[in-house]
């Protein structure tokens, strides 16, 4: 989790000022009681409202770096980074893939849906797939080095958001702040490779 935290801060520090302001606006909107921190219930409400049901409610503990029972700005920024970049599931055991994992190179190169495995399932061969060429995500990225300029598309790397949960109470200010941040990130991708 520490690596995710550092990466989220690095993206924030290198983002344009307007995008940094949108990130703060999102944090403030998420803080529904205005106490300057995000409680477990505010976290759960956000996940429900925005359709991120694949994220475990226990993930809050992983995000809470100082173990004070709430999330500060940098911890929320880490949450944002994770939800925008980690929508992958192991095809063997169905766990969310948040660290290193293995990807079928044939599926990846074909542009179709990827076939991804956690290290344990790959190591123990707990999967059934018609291709045999797998690489871990870091090596796969490095192996693409040298492709013609302009062939990368950051939109393909971002995790899609599920539909908004219609049965959840919707906080309009929170939704507007979240959507404004997403719009800012999308606009920033036209000139640079930016996730946050």
C-alpha atoms as a PDB file:
ATOM      1  CA  UNK A   1       0.000   0.000   0.000  1.00  0.00           C
ATOM      2  CA  UNK A   2       2.915   2.323   0.655  1.00  0.00           C
ATOM      3  CA  UNK A   3       3.843   2.225  -3.027  1.00  0.00           C
ATOM      4  CA  UNK A   4       0.300   3.232  -4.009  1.00  0.00           C
ATOM      5  CA  UNK A   5       0.481   6.105  -1.537  1.00  0.00           C
ATOM      6  CA  UNK A   6       3.781   7.340  -2.957  1.00  0.00           C
ATOM      7  CA  UNK A   7       2.554   7.035  -6.555  1.00  0.00           C
ATOM      8  CA  UNK A   8      -0.653   8.953  -5.770  1.00  0.00           C
ATOM      9  CA  UNK A   9       1.354  11.777  -4.171  1.00  0.00           C
ATOM     10  CA  UNK A  10       3.752  11.838  -7.124  1.00  0.00           C
ATOM     11  CA  UNK A  11       0.869  12.192  -9.595  1.00  0.00           C
ATOM     12  CA  UNK A  12      -0.690  14.906  -7.438  1.00  0.00           C
ATOM     13  CA  UNK A  13       2.579  16.854  -7.103  1.00  0.00           C
ATOM     14  CA  UNK A  14       3.057  16.799 -10.869  1.00  0.00           C
ATOM     15  CA  UNK A  15      -0.560  17.639 -11.732  1.00  0.00           C
ATOM     16  CA  UNK A  16      -1.620  21.137 -12.819  1.00  0.00           C
ATOM     17  CA  UNK A  17      -2.908  23.415 -10.056  1.00  0.00           C
ATOM     18  CA  UNK A  18      -6.510  23.233 -11.308  1.00  0.00           C
ATOM     19  CA  UNK A  19      -6.446  19.434 -11.015  1.00  0.00           C
ATOM     20  CA  UNK A  20      -4.966  19.682  -7.516  1.00  0.00           C
ATOM     21  CA  UNK A  21      -7.827  22.016  -6.552  1.00  0.00           C
ATOM     22  CA  UNK A  22     -10.349  19.529  -7.963  1.00  0.00           C
ATOM     23  CA  UNK A  23      -8.775  16.779  -5.843  1.00  0.00           C
ATOM     24  CA  UNK A  24      -9.166  18.950  -2.719  1.00  0.00           C
ATOM     25  CA  UNK A  25     -12.763  19.750  -3.691  1.00  0.00           C
ATOM     26  CA  UNK A  26     -13.470  16.036  -3.989  1.00  0.00           C
ATOM     27  CA  UNK A  27     -11.957  15.430  -0.540  1.00  0.00           C
ATOM     28  CA  UNK A  28     -14.031  18.232   0.991  1.00  0.00           C
ATOM     29  CA  UNK A  29     -17.217  16.917  -0.646  1.00  0.00           C
ATOM     30  CA  UNK A  30     -16.469  13.408   0.609  1.00  0.00           C
ATOM     31  CA  UNK A  31     -16.134  14.868   4.122  1.00  0.00           C
ATOM     32  CA  UNK A  32     -19.898  15.158   4.591  1.00  0.00           C
ATOM     33  CA  UNK A  33     -19.720  16.223   8.261  1.00  0.00           C
ATOM     34  CA  UNK A  34     -16.962  18.796   7.639  1.00  0.00           C
ATOM     35  CA  UNK A  35     -14.600  17.529  10.343  1.00  0.00           C
ATOM     36  CA  UNK A  36     -11.557  17.460   8.033  1.00  0.00           C
ATOM     37  CA  UNK A  37     -11.311  13.676   7.856  1.00  0.00           C
ATOM     38  CA  UNK A  38     -13.152  10.839   6.164  1.00  0.00           C
ATOM     39  CA  UNK A  39     -14.908   8.405   8.468  1.00  0.00           C
ATOM     40  CA  UNK A  40     -15.571   4.772   7.694  1.00  0.00           C
ATOM     41  CA  UNK A  41     -19.245   5.582   6.962  1.00  0.00           C
ATOM     42  CA  UNK A  42     -18.299   8.420   4.586  1.00  0.00           C
ATOM     43  CA  UNK A  43     -15.985   5.951   2.813  1.00  0.00           C
ATOM     44  CA  UNK A  44     -18.708   3.276   2.559  1.00  0.00           C
ATOM     45  CA  UNK A  45     -21.264   5.822   1.318  1.00  0.00           C
ATOM     46  CA  UNK A  46     -18.869   6.919  -1.428  1.00  0.00           C
ATOM     47  CA  UNK A  47     -18.238   3.326  -2.576  1.00  0.00           C
ATOM     48  CA  UNK A  48     -21.982   2.642  -2.703  1.00  0.00           C
ATOM     49  CA  UNK A  49     -22.901   5.875  -4.464  1.00  0.00           C
ATOM     50  CA  UNK A  50     -20.264   5.548  -7.144  1.00  0.00           C
ATOM     51  CA  UNK A  51     -20.624   1.831  -7.874  1.00  0.00           C
ATOM     52  CA  UNK A  52     -17.276   0.658  -6.531  1.00  0.00           C
ATOM     53  CA  UNK A  53     -18.717  -2.456  -4.928  1.00  0.00           C
ATOM     54  CA  UNK A  54     -15.661  -4.488  -5.895  1.00  0.00           C
ATOM     55  CA  UNK A  55     -13.651  -2.663  -3.239  1.00  0.00           C
ATOM     56  CA  UNK A  56     -13.775  -4.417   0.108  1.00  0.00           C
ATOM     57  CA  UNK A  57     -15.015  -2.420   3.063  1.00  0.00           C
ATOM     58  CA  UNK A  58     -11.902  -3.743   4.835  1.00  0.00           C
ATOM     59  CA  UNK A  59      -9.743  -1.803   2.371  1.00  0.00           C
ATOM     60  CA  UNK A  60     -10.369   1.217   4.634  1.00  0.00           C
ATOM     61  CA  UNK A  61      -7.927  -0.295   7.154  1.00  0.00           C
ATOM     62  CA  UNK A  62      -5.277  -0.640   4.452  1.00  0.00           C
ATOM     63  CA  UNK A  63      -5.709   3.000   3.439  1.00  0.00           C
ATOM     64  CA  UNK A  64      -5.586   4.271   7.043  1.00  0.00           C
ATOM     65  CA  UNK A  65      -1.789   4.588   7.267  1.00  0.00           C
ATOM     66  CA  UNK A  66      -1.621   6.078  10.769  1.00  0.00           C
ATOM     67  CA  UNK A  67      -4.385   3.815  12.154  1.00  0.00           C
ATOM     68  CA  UNK A  68      -6.427   6.710  13.550  1.00  0.00           C
ATOM     69  CA  UNK A  69      -9.736   5.310  12.253  1.00  0.00           C
ATOM     70  CA  UNK A  70     -10.223   7.940   9.544  1.00  0.00           C
ATOM     71  CA  UNK A  71      -8.719   8.983   6.227  1.00  0.00           C
ATOM     72  CA  UNK A  72      -6.894  12.229   5.579  1.00  0.00           C
ATOM     73  CA  UNK A  73      -6.393  13.917   2.223  1.00  0.00           C
ATOM     74  CA  UNK A  74      -3.369  11.831   1.180  1.00  0.00           C
ATOM     75  CA  UNK A  75      -5.116   8.599   2.115  1.00  0.00           C
ATOM     76  CA  UNK A  76      -8.162   9.619   0.058  1.00  0.00           C
ATOM     77  CA  UNK A  77      -5.852  10.489  -2.816  1.00  0.00           C
ATOM     78  CA  UNK A  78      -4.479   6.941  -2.569  1.00  0.00           C
ATOM     79  CA  UNK A  79      -8.055   5.601  -2.646  1.00  0.00           C
ATOM     80  CA  UNK A  80      -8.724   7.627  -5.800  1.00  0.00           C
ATOM     81  CA  UNK A  81      -5.580   6.252  -7.442  1.00  0.00           C
ATOM     82  CA  UNK A  82      -6.558   2.666  -6.581  1.00  0.00           C
ATOM     83  CA  UNK A  83     -10.145   2.960  -7.833  1.00  0.00           C
ATOM     84  CA  UNK A  84      -9.011   4.503 -11.105  1.00  0.00           C
ATOM     85  CA  UNK A  85      -6.244   2.006 -11.849  1.00  0.00           C
ATOM     86  CA  UNK A  86      -7.105  -1.316 -10.163  1.00  0.00           C
ATOM     87  CA  UNK A  87     -10.295  -2.872 -11.526  1.00  0.00           C
ATOM     88  CA  UNK A  88      -8.721  -6.249 -12.176  1.00  0.00           C
ATOM     89  CA  UNK A  89      -9.632  -9.648 -10.765  1.00  0.00           C
ATOM     90  CA  UNK A  90      -7.665 -12.875 -10.682  1.00  0.00           C
ATOM     91  CA  UNK A  91      -9.259 -15.321 -13.117  1.00  0.00           C
ATOM     92  CA  UNK A  92      -8.207 -18.160 -10.809  1.00  0.00           C
ATOM     93  CA  UNK A  93      -9.336 -17.165  -7.309  1.00  0.00           C
ATOM     94  CA  UNK A  94     -11.371 -14.000  -8.053  1.00  0.00           C
ATOM     95  CA  UNK A  95      -9.379 -11.716  -5.692  1.00  0.00           C
ATOM     96  CA  UNK A  96      -8.802  -8.072  -6.587  1.00  0.00           C
ATOM     97  CA  UNK A  97      -5.338  -7.593  -8.083  1.00  0.00           C
ATOM     98  CA  UNK A  98      -3.653  -4.617  -6.437  1.00  0.00           C
ATOM     99  CA  UNK A  99       0.050  -5.451  -6.702  1.00  0.00           C
ATOM    100  CA  UNK A 100       2.070  -7.476  -9.142  1.00  0.00           C
ATOM    101  CA  UNK A 101       0.066  -9.967 -11.186  1.00  0.00           C
ATOM    102  CA  UNK A 102       0.412 -12.009 -14.361  1.00  0.00           C
ATOM    103  CA  UNK A 103      -1.263 -11.229 -17.693  1.00  0.00           C
ATOM    104  CA  UNK A 104      -1.720 -13.425 -20.758  1.00  0.00           C
ATOM    105  CA  UNK A 105       0.406 -11.719 -23.416  1.00  0.00           C
ATOM    106  CA  UNK A 106      -1.675 -13.144 -26.304  1.00  0.00           C
ATOM    107  CA  UNK A 107      -4.911 -11.711 -24.874  1.00  0.00           C
ATOM    108  CA  UNK A 108      -3.196  -8.411 -24.075  1.00  0.00           C
ATOM    109  CA  UNK A 109      -1.737  -8.063 -27.592  1.00  0.00           C
ATOM    110  CA  UNK A 110      -5.015  -8.958 -29.283  1.00  0.00           C
ATOM    111  CA  UNK A 111      -6.710  -5.973 -27.675  1.00  0.00           C
ATOM    112  CA  UNK A 112      -9.417  -8.197 -26.253  1.00  0.00           C
ATOM    113  CA  UNK A 113     -10.231  -8.597 -22.592  1.00  0.00           C
ATOM    114  CA  UNK A 114      -7.121  -9.444 -20.601  1.00  0.00           C
ATOM    115  CA  UNK A 115      -6.697 -12.658 -18.671  1.00  0.00           C
ATOM    116  CA  UNK A 116      -5.018 -11.854 -15.355  1.00  0.00           C
ATOM    117  CA  UNK A 117      -3.828 -14.034 -12.470  1.00  0.00           C
ATOM    118  CA  UNK A 118      -2.505 -13.404  -8.982  1.00  0.00           C
ATOM    119  CA  UNK A 119       1.036 -14.734  -8.387  1.00  0.00           C
ATOM    120  CA  UNK A 120      -0.296 -17.631  -6.265  1.00  0.00           C
ATOM    121  CA  UNK A 121      -2.713 -18.934  -8.904  1.00  0.00           C
ATOM    122  CA  UNK A 122      -0.084 -18.581 -11.630  1.00  0.00           C
ATOM    123  CA  UNK A 123       2.602 -20.244  -9.508  1.00  0.00           C
ATOM    124  CA  UNK A 124       0.312 -23.123  -8.537  1.00  0.00           C
ATOM    125  CA  UNK A 125      -1.239 -23.356 -12.026  1.00  0.00           C
ATOM    126  CA  UNK A 126      -4.747 -22.855 -10.619  1.00  0.00           C
ATOM    127  CA  UNK A 127      -6.316 -21.720 -13.874  1.00  0.00           C
ATOM    128  CA  UNK A 128      -7.527 -23.009 -17.192  1.00  0.00           C
ATOM    129  CA  UNK A 129      -6.698 -20.872 -20.209  1.00  0.00           C
ATOM    130  CA  UNK A 130      -5.988 -21.590 -23.864  1.00  0.00           C
ATOM    131  CA  UNK A 131      -2.777 -19.490 -24.001  1.00  0.00           C
ATOM    132  CA  UNK A 132       0.495 -20.173 -22.188  1.00  0.00           C
ATOM    133  CA  UNK A 133       2.530 -16.953 -22.521  1.00  0.00           C
ATOM    134  CA  UNK A 134       2.175 -14.922 -19.298  1.00  0.00           C
ATOM    135  CA  UNK A 135       4.210 -11.996 -17.971  1.00  0.00           C
ATOM    136  CA  UNK A 136       3.945 -10.037 -14.760  1.00  0.00           C
ATOM    137  CA  UNK A 137       2.520  -6.567 -15.265  1.00  0.00           C
ATOM    138  CA  UNK A 138       5.846  -4.794 -14.733  1.00  0.00           C
ATOM    139  CA  UNK A 139       7.670  -6.969 -17.245  1.00  0.00           C
ATOM    140  CA  UNK A 140       4.812  -6.677 -19.720  1.00  0.00           C
ATOM    141  CA  UNK A 141       5.040  -2.887 -19.569  1.00  0.00           C
ATOM    142  CA  UNK A 142       8.805  -2.969 -19.996  1.00  0.00           C
ATOM    143  CA  UNK A 143       8.503  -5.396 -22.927  1.00  0.00           C
ATOM    144  CA  UNK A 144       6.403  -2.848 -24.820  1.00  0.00           C
ATOM    145  CA  UNK A 145       9.312  -0.375 -24.788  1.00  0.00           C
ATOM    146  CA  UNK A 146      10.320   0.711 -28.272  1.00  0.00           C
ATOM    147  CA  UNK A 147       6.865   0.696 -29.830  1.00  0.00           C
ATOM    148  CA  UNK A 148       6.133   3.589 -32.194  1.00  0.00           C
ATOM    149  CA  UNK A 149       5.494   6.883 -30.380  1.00  0.00           C
ATOM    150  CA  UNK A 150       1.872   7.724 -29.738  1.00  0.00           C
ATOM    151  CA  UNK A 151       0.606   4.148 -29.516  1.00  0.00           C
ATOM    152  CA  UNK A 152      -0.039   4.263 -25.760  1.00  0.00           C
ATOM    153  CA  UNK A 153      -3.589   5.043 -24.657  1.00  0.00           C
ATOM    154  CA  UNK A 154      -4.004   5.821 -20.940  1.00  0.00           C
ATOM    155  CA  UNK A 155      -7.777   5.256 -21.197  1.00  0.00           C
ATOM    156  CA  UNK A 156      -7.116   1.545 -21.688  1.00  0.00           C
ATOM    157  CA  UNK A 157      -5.253   1.428 -18.357  1.00  0.00           C
ATOM    158  CA  UNK A 158      -7.956   3.068 -16.259  1.00  0.00           C
ATOM    159  CA  UNK A 159     -10.460   0.922 -14.407  1.00  0.00           C
ATOM    160  CA  UNK A 160     -14.041   1.492 -15.553  1.00  0.00           C
ATOM    161  CA  UNK A 161     -16.554   2.692 -13.009  1.00  0.00           C
ATOM    162  CA  UNK A 162     -19.651   0.631 -12.457  1.00  0.00           C
ATOM    163  CA  UNK A 163     -23.080   2.205 -12.720  1.00  0.00           C
ATOM    164  CA  UNK A 164     -24.138   4.470  -9.887  1.00  0.00           C
ATOM    165  CA  UNK A 165     -26.091   2.582  -7.258  1.00  0.00           C
ATOM    166  CA  UNK A 166     -29.647   3.833  -7.734  1.00  0.00           C
ATOM    167  CA  UNK A 167     -30.765   2.566  -4.314  1.00  0.00           C
ATOM    168  CA  UNK A 168     -28.131   4.582  -2.419  1.00  0.00           C
ATOM    169  CA  UNK A 169     -28.819   8.087  -1.199  1.00  0.00           C
ATOM    170  CA  UNK A 170     -26.901  10.385  -3.535  1.00  0.00           C
ATOM    171  CA  UNK A 171     -24.963  13.375  -2.198  1.00  0.00           C
ATOM    172  CA  UNK A 172     -25.124  15.857  -5.091  1.00  0.00           C
ATOM    173  CA  UNK A 173     -22.116  17.886  -3.916  1.00  0.00           C
ATOM    174  CA  UNK A 174     -20.004  14.747  -3.568  1.00  0.00           C
ATOM    175  CA  UNK A 175     -21.052  13.450  -6.985  1.00  0.00           C
ATOM    176  CA  UNK A 176     -20.383  16.833  -8.640  1.00  0.00           C
ATOM    177  CA  UNK A 177     -16.932  17.066  -7.034  1.00  0.00           C
ATOM    178  CA  UNK A 178     -16.074  13.487  -8.029  1.00  0.00           C
ATOM    179  CA  UNK A 179     -17.249  14.009 -11.609  1.00  0.00           C
ATOM    180  CA  UNK A 180     -15.367  17.326 -11.842  1.00  0.00           C
ATOM    181  CA  UNK A 181     -12.168  15.574 -10.772  1.00  0.00           C
ATOM    182  CA  UNK A 182     -12.742  12.814 -13.353  1.00  0.00           C
ATOM    183  CA  UNK A 183     -13.361  15.443 -16.065  1.00  0.00           C
ATOM    184  CA  UNK A 184     -10.163  17.236 -15.076  1.00  0.00           C
ATOM    185  CA  UNK A 185      -8.161  14.006 -15.235  1.00  0.00           C
ATOM    186  CA  UNK A 186      -9.651  13.163 -18.647  1.00  0.00           C
ATOM    187  CA  UNK A 187      -8.810  16.633 -19.978  1.00  0.00           C
ATOM    188  CA  UNK A 188      -5.255  16.332 -18.653  1.00  0.00           C
ATOM    189  CA  UNK A 189      -4.706  13.061 -20.515  1.00  0.00           C
ATOM    190  CA  UNK A 190      -4.782  14.811 -23.882  1.00  0.00           C
ATOM    191  CA  UNK A 191      -1.420  16.469 -23.248  1.00  0.00           C
ATOM    192  CA  UNK A 192       0.292  14.056 -20.882  1.00  0.00           C
ATOM    193  CA  UNK A 193       0.044  10.576 -19.402  1.00  0.00           C
ATOM    194  CA  UNK A 194      -1.727  11.341 -16.132  1.00  0.00           C
ATOM    195  CA  UNK A 195      -3.831   9.164 -13.844  1.00  0.00           C
ATOM    196  CA  UNK A 196      -4.168  11.634 -10.963  1.00  0.00           C
END
